[in-house]
Amino acid sequence: MIIIPAIDLKNGKCVRLRMGDFDTEHVVAKDALKTAKSFAESGAELIHVVDLDGAKTGSGENYEIVRKVCSESGAKVELGGGIRTIAAVEHAFDIGVYRVVIGSAAISDPEFIKKALKNYSGRIAVGIDARGGTVRTDGWLKDSGKDYIETAKYMESIGVKTIIFTDIEKDGLLSGPSFERTFALKNAVSCEIVASGGLTTVEDVRMLRDGGVDAAIAGKAIYEKRLDLKEAIREAVK
């Protein structure tokens, strides 16, 4: 298993939200590049970057920062947030992004995700964000009514290799990951599963690792120094 530290960008700064609620935004670091470099120095090979402005408005105002993180941090970058067209996918790759994360558009526009997979295959991940077991879209504001496991099975059937699963009820709460739902998803599909939301302790890392999860995203716990990134990375590969 690998640990993927997260950077959520809003107005050029690193922020964290509570359960995806923009009204709970607080700045955790002003310099995204410096933060990314510190993650790389701790041993992170991949950084999860979310463009929150892009997710909300479709804008690309944070892309210059993303470009610098890609070229100067020393780690690969996966980028999500507002990527809804092939042109947006191509632009992300043009600025150096290693892997693109497609969320709402994968649910609402099946032809788009199919085309993205056809063109870029292994460089596409699908984000499945759920509350109460049903998939949320549009910045987690809309309930699609679709079951998260059935959605994952469909994504697998069209060629998706990597799914980033977020249980919204755990995101930003430092209460531990959604083990039951994450393991149920891992057992239902053959895709690589990346757990997101709630990772807080080294014991959480061990449980996800021992449950066969392929990767886990760490955010708030790192910024609040409740989880040592170096230690988490070491534990993940045991």
Protein backbone atom coordinates (compact mmCIF):
# COMPACT_ATOMS: atom_id res chain seq x y z
CA MET A 1 0.00 0.00 0.00
CA ILE A 2 1.10 3.59 -0.53
CA ILE A 3 0.24 6.78 1.32
CA ILE A 4 -0.77 9.78 -0.79
CA PRO A 5 -0.69 13.14 1.01
CA ALA A 6 -3.32 15.64 -0.08
CA ILE A 7 -3.28 19.29 -1.04
CA ASP A 8 -6.65 21.01 -1.48
CA LEU A 9 -6.26 24.31 -3.33
CA LYS A 10 -8.58 27.29 -2.98
CA ASN A 11 -7.61 30.80 -4.01
CA GLY A 12 -4.03 29.60 -4.36
CA LYS A 13 -3.74 28.38 -0.76
CA CYS A 14 -3.83 24.95 0.88
CA VAL A 15 -7.09 24.53 2.77
CA ARG A 16 -9.05 21.80 4.49
CA LEU A 17 -12.80 21.35 4.62
CA ARG A 18 -15.01 19.42 7.00
CA MET A 19 -17.13 16.84 5.15
CA GLY A 20 -16.66 18.84 1.96
CA ASP A 21 -18.50 21.88 3.31
CA PHE A 22 -17.01 25.06 1.81
CA ASP A 23 -18.29 27.05 4.81
CA THR A 24 -15.84 25.13 7.04
CA GLU A 25 -12.79 26.11 4.97
CA HIS A 26 -9.63 26.97 6.86
CA VAL A 27 -6.15 27.64 5.52
CA VAL A 28 -3.57 25.05 6.60
CA ALA A 29 -0.63 26.29 4.50
CA LYS A 30 -0.07 29.32 2.30
CA ASP A 31 2.62 27.85 0.05
CA ALA A 32 1.47 24.77 -1.87
CA LEU A 33 4.84 24.16 -3.50
CA LYS A 34 6.69 24.27 -0.18
CA THR A 35 4.11 21.88 1.26
CA ALA A 36 4.48 19.50 -1.68
CA LYS A 37 8.26 19.54 -1.39
CA SER A 38 8.00 18.64 2.30
CA PHE A 39 5.76 15.70 1.39
CA ALA A 40 8.27 14.50 -1.20
CA GLU A 41 11.12 14.85 1.29
CA SER A 42 9.14 12.64 3.69
CA GLY A 43 9.04 9.92 1.05
CA ALA A 44 5.77 10.56 -0.79
CA GLU A 45 5.97 9.52 -4.43
CA LEU A 46 2.49 10.74 -5.36
CA ILE A 47 0.54 13.79 -4.15
CA HIS A 48 -3.23 14.11 -4.40
CA VAL A 49 -4.16 17.65 -5.46
CA VAL A 50 -7.76 18.88 -5.54
CA ASP A 51 -8.61 22.14 -7.27
CA LEU A 52 -11.56 23.22 -5.13
CA ASP A 53 -12.16 26.33 -7.21
CA GLY A 54 -12.31 24.13 -10.30
CA ALA A 55 -14.69 21.72 -8.60
CA LYS A 56 -17.06 24.55 -7.71
CA THR A 57 -16.85 26.79 -10.78
CA GLY A 58 -14.89 24.92 -13.43
CA SER A 59 -12.16 27.57 -13.37
CA GLY A 60 -8.47 26.77 -13.76
CA GLU A 61 -7.07 29.59 -11.66
CA ASN A 62 -4.90 27.26 -9.57
CA TYR A 63 -3.24 25.57 -12.54
CA GLU A 64 -0.05 27.61 -12.44
CA ILE A 65 0.49 26.41 -8.88
CA VAL A 66 -0.25 22.85 -9.97
CA ARG A 67 2.28 23.17 -12.78
CA LYS A 68 4.96 24.23 -10.31
CA VAL A 69 4.13 21.37 -7.97
CA CYS A 70 4.40 18.94 -10.88
CA SER A 71 7.74 20.26 -12.08
CA GLU A 72 9.47 21.25 -8.85
CA SER A 73 8.18 19.17 -5.92
CA GLY A 74 9.98 15.92 -6.70
CA ALA A 75 6.77 13.87 -6.59
CA LYS A 76 4.14 12.87 -9.13
CA VAL A 77 0.76 14.59 -8.99
CA GLU A 78 -2.77 13.33 -9.43
CA LEU A 79 -5.27 16.13 -9.97
CA GLY A 80 -9.01 16.31 -9.47
CA GLY A 81 -11.58 19.08 -9.35
CA GLY A 82 -13.70 20.36 -12.22
CA ILE A 83 -12.25 18.12 -14.94
CA ARG A 84 -15.27 17.62 -17.16
CA THR A 85 -14.00 17.64 -20.75
CA ILE A 86 -11.30 15.96 -22.82
CA ALA A 87 -9.74 19.39 -23.31
CA ALA A 88 -9.47 19.73 -19.51
CA VAL A 89 -7.88 16.29 -19.26
CA GLU A 90 -5.35 17.18 -21.95
CA HIS A 91 -4.57 20.52 -20.29
CA ALA A 92 -3.86 18.76 -17.00
CA PHE A 93 -1.43 16.42 -18.72
CA ASP A 94 0.15 19.36 -20.54
CA ILE A 95 1.08 21.03 -17.23
CA GLY A 96 2.70 17.84 -15.98
CA VAL A 97 -0.02 15.99 -14.10
CA TYR A 98 0.65 12.25 -13.85
CA ARG A 99 -2.93 11.10 -13.28
CA VAL A 100 -6.30 12.83 -13.63
CA VAL A 101 -9.14 12.16 -11.21
CA ILE A 102 -12.61 12.43 -12.72
CA GLY A 103 -15.48 12.63 -10.26
CA SER A 104 -18.91 14.06 -11.01
CA ALA A 105 -18.44 13.94 -14.78
CA ALA A 106 -17.79 10.20 -14.63
CA ILE A 107 -21.27 9.79 -13.16
CA SER A 108 -23.16 12.36 -15.23
CA ASP A 109 -21.43 11.90 -18.58
CA PRO A 110 -20.64 8.24 -19.32
CA GLU A 111 -19.49 9.00 -22.87
CA PHE A 112 -16.90 11.45 -21.58
CA ILE A 113 -15.36 8.95 -19.17
CA LYS A 114 -15.36 6.27 -21.86
CA LYS A 115 -13.52 8.59 -24.25
CA ALA A 116 -11.03 9.59 -21.56
CA LEU A 117 -10.33 5.94 -20.81
CA LYS A 118 -9.94 5.13 -24.49
CA ASN A 119 -7.42 7.94 -24.96
CA TYR A 120 -5.49 7.73 -21.69
CA SER A 121 -6.38 4.44 -19.97
CA GLY A 122 -4.03 4.00 -16.99
CA ARG A 123 -3.71 7.75 -16.38
CA ILE A 124 -7.36 8.14 -15.40
CA ALA A 125 -8.80 7.51 -11.93
CA VAL A 126 -12.47 7.81 -11.02
CA GLY A 127 -13.49 9.44 -7.77
CA ILE A 128 -16.53 7.90 -6.13
CA ASP A 129 -17.73 10.10 -3.27
CA ALA A 130 -20.55 8.70 -1.17
CA ARG A 131 -22.73 9.62 1.76
CA GLY A 132 -24.86 6.90 3.30
CA GLY A 133 -23.77 4.55 0.53
CA THR A 134 -25.07 6.66 -2.37
CA VAL A 135 -22.88 8.65 -4.74
CA ARG A 136 -22.73 12.43 -4.45
CA THR A 137 -21.82 14.79 -7.30
CA ASP A 138 -21.31 18.52 -7.94
CA GLY A 139 -19.02 19.20 -5.02
CA TRP A 140 -20.89 16.61 -2.92
CA LEU A 141 -24.03 18.76 -3.03
CA LYS A 142 -26.23 16.48 -5.16
CA ASP A 143 -27.30 12.93 -4.35
CA SER A 144 -27.25 10.85 -7.54
CA GLY A 145 -29.20 8.07 -5.85
CA LYS A 146 -26.71 5.56 -7.25
CA ASP A 147 -25.25 2.89 -4.96
CA TYR A 148 -21.50 3.32 -4.60
CA ILE A 149 -20.66 -0.34 -5.15
CA GLU A 150 -22.88 -0.69 -8.20
CA THR A 151 -21.32 2.49 -9.57
CA ALA A 152 -17.86 1.01 -9.03
CA LYS A 153 -18.85 -2.18 -10.81
CA TYR A 154 -20.03 -0.16 -13.79
CA MET A 155 -16.79 1.80 -13.86
CA GLU A 156 -14.84 -1.44 -13.77
CA SER A 157 -16.91 -2.77 -16.67
CA ILE A 158 -15.92 0.16 -18.92
CA GLY A 159 -12.23 -0.10 -18.13
CA VAL A 160 -11.54 1.98 -15.02
CA LYS A 161 -8.44 0.66 -13.23
CA THR A 162 -8.29 2.99 -10.20
CA ILE A 163 -11.11 4.17 -7.95
CA ILE A 164 -10.65 6.79 -5.26
CA PHE A 165 -13.38 6.18 -2.69
CA THR A 166 -14.37 8.91 -0.24
CA ASP A 167 -16.93 8.33 2.47
CA ILE A 168 -18.05 11.93 2.98
CA GLU A 169 -19.24 11.19 6.51
CA LYS A 170 -15.62 10.58 7.49
CA ASP A 171 -13.90 13.36 5.56
CA GLY A 172 -12.01 15.86 7.69
CA LEU A 173 -13.30 14.51 11.00
CA LEU A 174 -10.17 12.63 12.16
CA SER A 175 -12.40 9.77 13.30
CA GLY A 176 -10.81 7.00 11.24
CA PRO A 177 -11.55 5.77 7.72
CA SER A 178 -14.75 4.08 6.62
CA PHE A 179 -13.32 0.58 6.96
CA GLU A 180 -16.53 -1.38 6.39
CA ARG A 181 -17.55 0.40 3.20
CA THR A 182 -13.98 0.56 1.88
CA PHE A 183 -13.41 -3.17 2.39
CA ALA A 184 -16.81 -3.97 0.86
CA LEU A 185 -15.79 -2.01 -2.22
CA LYS A 186 -12.39 -3.70 -2.39
CA ASN A 187 -14.06 -7.10 -2.29
CA ALA A 188 -16.62 -6.16 -4.97
CA VAL A 189 -14.28 -5.05 -7.77
CA SER A 190 -10.80 -5.80 -9.07
CA CYS A 191 -9.88 -2.12 -9.48
CA GLU A 192 -7.12 -0.51 -7.44
CA ILE A 193 -8.86 1.08 -4.46
CA VAL A 194 -7.62 4.31 -2.92
CA ALA A 195 -9.23 5.08 0.45
CA SER A 196 -9.94 8.73 1.19
CA GLY A 197 -11.33 10.39 4.29
CA GLY A 198 -10.68 10.00 8.00
CA LEU A 199 -7.14 8.57 8.00
CA THR A 200 -5.76 9.65 11.37
CA THR A 201 -3.38 7.14 12.97
CA VAL A 202 -0.73 4.60 12.09
CA GLU A 203 -3.18 1.94 13.26
CA ASP A 204 -5.60 3.17 10.58
CA VAL A 205 -2.80 2.66 8.04
CA ARG A 206 -2.20 -0.88 9.28
CA MET A 207 -5.89 -1.78 9.09
CA LEU A 208 -6.27 -0.50 5.54
CA ARG A 209 -3.04 -2.24 4.51
CA ASP A 210 -4.07 -5.54 6.07
CA GLY A 211 -7.50 -5.24 4.44
CA GLY A 212 -5.88 -5.20 1.00
CA VAL A 213 -6.47 -1.54 0.17
CA ASP A 214 -3.99 -0.34 -2.45
CA ALA A 215 -3.48 3.26 -1.30
CA ALA A 216 -4.77 5.80 1.19
CA ILE A 217 -5.00 9.56 1.02
CA ALA A 218 -3.91 11.49 4.11
CA GLY A 219 -4.84 15.11 4.66
CA LYS A 220 -5.95 16.83 7.85
CA ALA A 221 -4.09 14.45 10.18
CA ILE A 222 -0.79 15.38 8.54
CA TYR A 223 -1.42 19.12 8.74
CA GLU A 224 -2.44 18.85 12.39
CA LYS A 225 0.60 16.64 13.09
CA ARG A 226 -1.51 13.76 14.37
CA LEU A 227 -0.01 11.48 11.72
CA ASP A 228 3.68 11.45 10.87
CA LEU A 229 3.91 11.08 7.10
CA LYS A 230 7.28 9.30 7.16
CA GLU A 231 6.01 6.77 9.68
CA ALA A 232 2.76 6.24 7.77
CA ILE A 233 4.67 5.61 4.54
CA ARG A 234 6.96 3.10 6.26
CA GLU A 235 4.04 1.28 7.87
CA ALA A 236 2.07 1.12 4.62
CA VAL A 237 4.69 -0.99 2.85
CA LYS A 238 5.32 -3.55 5.62
